[in-house]
Protein backbone atom coordinates (compact mmCIF):
# COMPACT_ATOMS: atom_id res chain seq x y z
CA MET A 1 25.26 43.55 12.00
CA SER A 2 24.85 39.86 11.23
CA ALA A 3 26.78 38.08 8.46
CA ARG A 4 23.57 37.69 6.47
CA GLN A 5 22.86 41.43 6.70
CA GLY A 6 26.44 42.08 5.59
CA ASN A 7 25.98 39.92 2.50
CA TYR A 8 22.67 41.67 1.73
CA PRO A 9 23.17 45.37 2.55
CA LEU A 10 19.60 46.09 1.35
CA GLY A 11 18.33 44.26 4.41
CA LEU A 12 16.76 40.97 5.39
CA ASP A 13 13.64 41.67 3.33
CA TYR A 14 15.74 41.70 0.18
CA TRP A 15 17.35 38.42 1.25
CA ASP A 16 13.87 36.88 1.51
CA VAL A 17 13.09 38.08 -2.02
CA ASN A 18 16.37 36.61 -3.23
CA GLN A 19 15.55 33.25 -1.63
CA ALA A 20 12.06 33.23 -3.18
CA ALA A 21 13.54 34.01 -6.60
CA THR A 22 16.04 31.17 -6.20
CA ARG A 23 13.29 28.72 -5.24
CA LEU A 24 11.16 29.78 -8.21
CA THR A 25 14.05 29.35 -10.66
CA ALA A 26 14.94 25.92 -9.22
CA PHE A 27 11.31 24.79 -9.36
CA ALA A 28 11.05 25.96 -12.97
CA CYS A 29 14.07 23.79 -13.84
CA THR A 30 12.38 20.78 -12.19
CA VAL A 31 9.10 21.38 -14.04
CA SER A 32 10.79 21.85 -17.41
CA ALA A 33 12.91 18.71 -16.98
CA ARG A 34 9.78 16.71 -16.21
CA HIS A 35 7.40 18.07 -18.84
CA LEU A 36 9.45 19.64 -21.68
CA SER A 37 11.29 17.08 -23.79
CA HIS A 38 12.66 19.53 -26.37
CA GLY A 39 16.00 20.98 -25.25
CA MET A 40 15.55 24.43 -26.79
CA GLY A 41 12.04 24.79 -25.39
CA ARG A 42 13.28 23.79 -21.94
CA MET A 43 16.13 26.33 -22.09
CA GLN A 44 13.77 29.08 -23.26
CA PHE A 45 11.31 28.33 -20.45
CA ASN A 46 14.05 28.36 -17.79
CA ARG A 47 15.48 31.58 -19.22
CA GLU A 48 12.10 33.33 -19.09
CA ILE A 49 11.52 32.38 -15.45
CA ALA A 50 15.06 33.39 -14.49
CA TYR A 51 14.60 36.74 -16.27
CA PHE A 52 11.28 37.31 -14.48
CA SER A 53 12.90 36.53 -11.11
CA LYS A 54 15.80 38.90 -11.81
CA GLN A 55 13.43 41.67 -12.86
CA VAL A 56 11.56 41.41 -9.56
CA MET A 57 14.82 41.41 -7.58
CA ASP A 58 16.14 44.44 -9.49
CA LYS A 59 12.93 46.40 -8.93
CA VAL A 60 13.06 45.65 -5.21
CA ALA A 61 16.72 46.70 -5.09
CA LEU A 62 15.92 49.98 -6.87
CA ARG A 63 12.96 50.62 -4.53
CA GLU A 64 10.57 50.48 -7.50
CA LEU A 65 8.81 47.60 -5.77
CA SER A 66 8.42 46.88 -2.07
CA PRO A 67 9.87 43.58 -0.76
CA GLU A 68 6.35 42.47 0.18
CA ASP A 69 5.05 43.06 -3.36
CA GLY A 70 8.11 41.36 -4.82
CA LEU A 71 7.49 38.29 -2.67
CA LYS A 72 3.83 38.25 -3.70
CA LEU A 73 4.78 38.27 -7.39
CA LEU A 74 7.33 35.48 -7.01
CA ARG A 75 5.06 33.30 -4.89
CA ALA A 76 2.11 33.84 -7.23
CA GLU A 77 4.25 32.70 -10.16
CA GLU A 78 5.38 29.61 -8.24
CA VAL A 79 1.77 28.74 -7.34
CA SER A 80 0.80 29.15 -11.00
CA LEU A 81 3.65 26.87 -12.12
CA ARG A 82 2.71 24.25 -9.54
CA GLY A 83 -0.88 24.31 -10.73
CA GLN A 84 0.16 23.92 -14.36
CA ALA A 85 2.55 21.09 -13.49
CA GLU A 86 -0.17 19.28 -11.51
CA THR A 87 -2.64 19.68 -14.38
CA LEU A 88 -0.13 18.33 -16.90
CA GLY A 89 0.67 15.40 -14.63
CA LEU A 90 -3.01 14.52 -14.23
CA GLN A 91 -3.57 14.80 -17.98
CA ALA A 92 -0.60 12.51 -18.68
CA ILE A 93 -1.98 9.92 -16.24
CA GLY A 94 -5.40 10.25 -17.86
CA LEU A 95 -3.89 9.72 -21.30
CA VAL A 96 -2.05 6.58 -20.18
CA GLY A 97 -5.21 5.40 -18.45
CA GLY A 98 -7.21 5.85 -21.64
CA VAL A 99 -4.74 3.76 -23.62
CA SER A 100 -4.89 1.08 -20.90
CA GLN A 101 -8.70 1.09 -21.06
CA MET A 102 -8.65 0.69 -24.83
CA ALA A 103 -6.26 -2.25 -24.55
CA ALA A 104 -8.44 -3.91 -21.89
CA GLY A 105 -11.56 -3.32 -23.96
CA ALA A 106 -9.99 -4.76 -27.10
CA GLY A 107 -8.81 -7.80 -25.14
CA ALA A 108 -12.31 -8.35 -23.75
CA CYS A 109 -13.85 -8.11 -27.22
CA ALA A 110 -11.42 -10.74 -28.47
CA THR A 111 -12.76 -13.28 -25.96
CA GLY A 112 -16.38 -13.30 -27.13
CA PRO A 113 -19.42 -11.23 -28.16
CA LEU A 114 -21.16 -11.24 -24.77
CA LEU A 115 -18.20 -9.83 -22.84
CA CYS A 116 -17.52 -7.42 -25.69
CA THR A 117 -21.07 -6.06 -25.59
CA PHE A 118 -21.31 -5.48 -21.85
CA PHE A 119 -17.68 -4.69 -20.98
CA GLY A 120 -15.29 -4.51 -23.93
CA ALA A 121 -17.15 -2.01 -26.13
CA PRO A 122 -18.00 0.42 -23.27
CA MET A 123 -14.40 0.16 -22.04
CA LEU A 124 -13.11 0.93 -25.54
CA ALA A 125 -15.44 3.92 -25.81
CA HIS A 126 -14.41 5.32 -22.42
CA GLY A 127 -10.73 4.75 -23.18
CA ALA A 128 -10.92 6.47 -26.56
CA ASN A 129 -12.80 9.37 -24.97
CA ASN A 130 -10.19 9.74 -22.21
CA VAL A 131 -7.37 9.67 -24.75
CA TYR A 132 -9.14 12.33 -26.83
CA GLU A 133 -9.87 14.64 -23.89
CA ASN A 134 -6.43 14.47 -22.30
CA ALA A 135 -4.47 14.63 -25.56
CA SER A 136 -6.55 17.60 -26.70
CA ASN A 137 -6.09 19.36 -23.37
CA MET A 138 -2.32 18.82 -23.42
CA TRP A 139 -1.98 19.92 -27.04
CA ASN A 140 -4.18 23.02 -26.69
CA LYS A 141 -3.07 23.85 -23.12
CA ARG A 142 -6.62 23.58 -21.82
CA SER A 143 -8.44 21.60 -19.15
CA ASP A 144 -12.06 21.72 -20.30
CA THR A 145 -12.23 19.51 -23.40
CA VAL A 146 -15.38 17.36 -23.46
CA GLY A 147 -15.30 14.22 -25.59
CA PRO A 148 -18.29 12.67 -27.39
CA VAL A 149 -18.83 9.89 -24.83
CA ARG A 150 -18.93 12.33 -21.90
CA LYS A 151 -21.29 14.53 -23.94
CA GLY A 152 -23.54 11.48 -24.28
CA TYR A 153 -23.67 11.08 -20.50
CA GLN A 154 -24.40 14.79 -20.11
CA HIS A 155 -27.17 14.60 -22.71
CA ILE A 156 -28.82 11.65 -20.94
CA ALA A 157 -28.56 13.51 -17.62
CA SER A 158 -30.17 16.54 -19.25
CA GLU A 159 -33.01 14.41 -20.63
CA LEU A 160 -33.62 13.13 -17.10
CA GLY A 161 -33.85 16.67 -15.75
CA HIS A 162 -30.30 16.96 -14.39
CA GLY A 163 -27.25 19.01 -15.36
CA GLU A 164 -23.72 18.46 -16.69
CA ARG A 165 -22.48 17.77 -13.16
CA GLU A 166 -24.68 14.69 -12.83
CA GLY A 167 -23.62 13.52 -16.29
CA ASN A 168 -19.96 13.82 -15.31
CA ILE A 169 -20.58 11.97 -12.04
CA ALA A 170 -22.22 9.13 -14.00
CA TYR A 171 -19.28 9.09 -16.42
CA TYR A 172 -16.66 8.80 -13.66
CA THR A 173 -18.77 6.23 -11.80
CA ALA A 174 -18.97 4.08 -14.94
CA ASP A 175 -15.20 4.47 -15.37
CA LEU A 176 -14.59 3.21 -11.83
CA GLY A 177 -17.14 0.41 -12.19
CA MET A 178 -15.54 -0.93 -15.35
CA ALA A 179 -12.06 -0.64 -13.84
CA GLY A 180 -13.21 -2.57 -10.76
CA TYR A 181 -14.81 -5.28 -12.86
CA GLY A 182 -11.73 -5.52 -15.07
CA VAL A 183 -9.39 -6.01 -12.11
CA PHE A 184 -11.43 -8.02 -9.60
CA PHE A 185 -13.98 -10.01 -11.59
CA ARG A 186 -12.79 -10.46 -15.17
CA LYS A 187 -10.86 -13.68 -15.69
CA LEU A 188 -7.61 -13.85 -17.65
CA LEU A 189 -5.56 -16.83 -18.76
CA LYS A 190 -3.11 -18.08 -16.18
CA PRO A 191 0.58 -17.96 -17.12
CA GLY A 192 1.51 -21.17 -18.90
CA ALA A 193 -2.09 -22.15 -19.69
CA TRP A 194 -2.18 -24.72 -22.51
CA ARG A 195 -5.06 -25.86 -24.65
CA LEU A 196 -5.78 -28.59 -27.17
CA TYR A 197 -9.09 -27.34 -28.53
CA LYS A 198 -10.25 -24.66 -26.10
CA TYR A 199 -9.41 -23.14 -22.73
CA HIS A 200 -11.47 -24.18 -19.71
CA ASP A 201 -12.40 -22.19 -16.62
CA VAL A 202 -9.61 -23.86 -14.67
CA ASP A 203 -7.13 -22.20 -17.06
CA ARG A 204 -8.29 -18.74 -16.00
CA ALA A 205 -7.89 -16.58 -12.88
CA ARG A 206 -9.11 -13.22 -11.66
CA ALA A 207 -7.22 -10.42 -13.38
CA PHE A 208 -5.63 -9.08 -10.19
CA ARG A 209 -4.01 -12.49 -9.58
CA VAL A 210 -2.48 -12.55 -13.05
CA MET A 211 -1.46 -8.90 -13.44
CA GLY A 212 2.08 -7.83 -12.59
CA HIS A 213 2.81 -5.46 -9.72
CA HIS A 214 3.49 -2.52 -12.04
CA THR A 215 0.22 -3.04 -13.92
CA LEU A 216 -1.74 -3.20 -10.67
CA LEU A 217 0.01 -0.06 -9.45
CA LEU A 218 -0.90 1.74 -12.67
CA GLU A 219 -4.53 0.64 -12.33
CA GLY A 220 -4.54 1.91 -8.74
CA VAL A 221 -3.13 5.31 -9.74
CA ILE A 222 -5.64 5.67 -12.58
CA SER A 223 -8.57 4.67 -10.36
CA GLY A 224 -7.31 7.06 -7.69
CA LEU A 225 -7.29 9.89 -10.23
CA THR A 226 -10.81 9.01 -11.37
CA SER A 227 -11.99 8.93 -7.74
CA TYR A 228 -10.39 12.34 -7.17
CA GLN A 229 -12.19 13.77 -10.22
CA LEU A 230 -15.45 12.19 -9.07
CA ILE A 231 -15.13 13.80 -5.62
CA LEU A 232 -14.34 17.20 -7.16
CA GLU A 233 -17.34 16.90 -9.46
CA HIS A 234 -19.59 15.83 -6.59
CA PHE A 235 -18.79 18.94 -4.57
CA ARG A 236 -18.77 21.30 -7.56
CA LYS A 237 -21.56 23.87 -7.38
């Protein structure tokens, strides 16, 4: 008999269940540390997952549950946790992205009425809508909140004989278009620009040349998320 079989007299199948339970408990600790800021809530969450894992192990040990069924339960719970953690992460990025859009839109509106009309105001509207949707989803533990701006796109798509899918595709496309314009075409003041009466074009540079590395990275992550959502929507039936 091997050393591992000696440590687990119930057999290697029980050892596999034990390992799966350990992985689930460790992953739950990682998820709670990342997404639960309140100490008591984090402890309660970890305790519930640990209790669930122990219940499965005990039932396998007492032959009330086969090792295969025990593994299925533990792996299904881990898959569920991973899905929830991914959803929360995407919603957090979307929330930060919405705030960033609102800031960019407000900055554009401060430069003049023309830029405000064609870029700033739409950017503000999209940003506020993204903040609303993601904050509402996080608060209510949902993933299907539809804000007023997205509803507007869906309504226009419906009037043109299309469905919600096409409205969502148009919404994400507009999001990406405004983000691209804001980074690659919109001009911002160069660091150290000085004026007597007004700034001139020579005092400005494309936004991507002025932005810091962290800001550009954030814009890339947000645009990547929007592209991902656009692709999912495109292939949704």
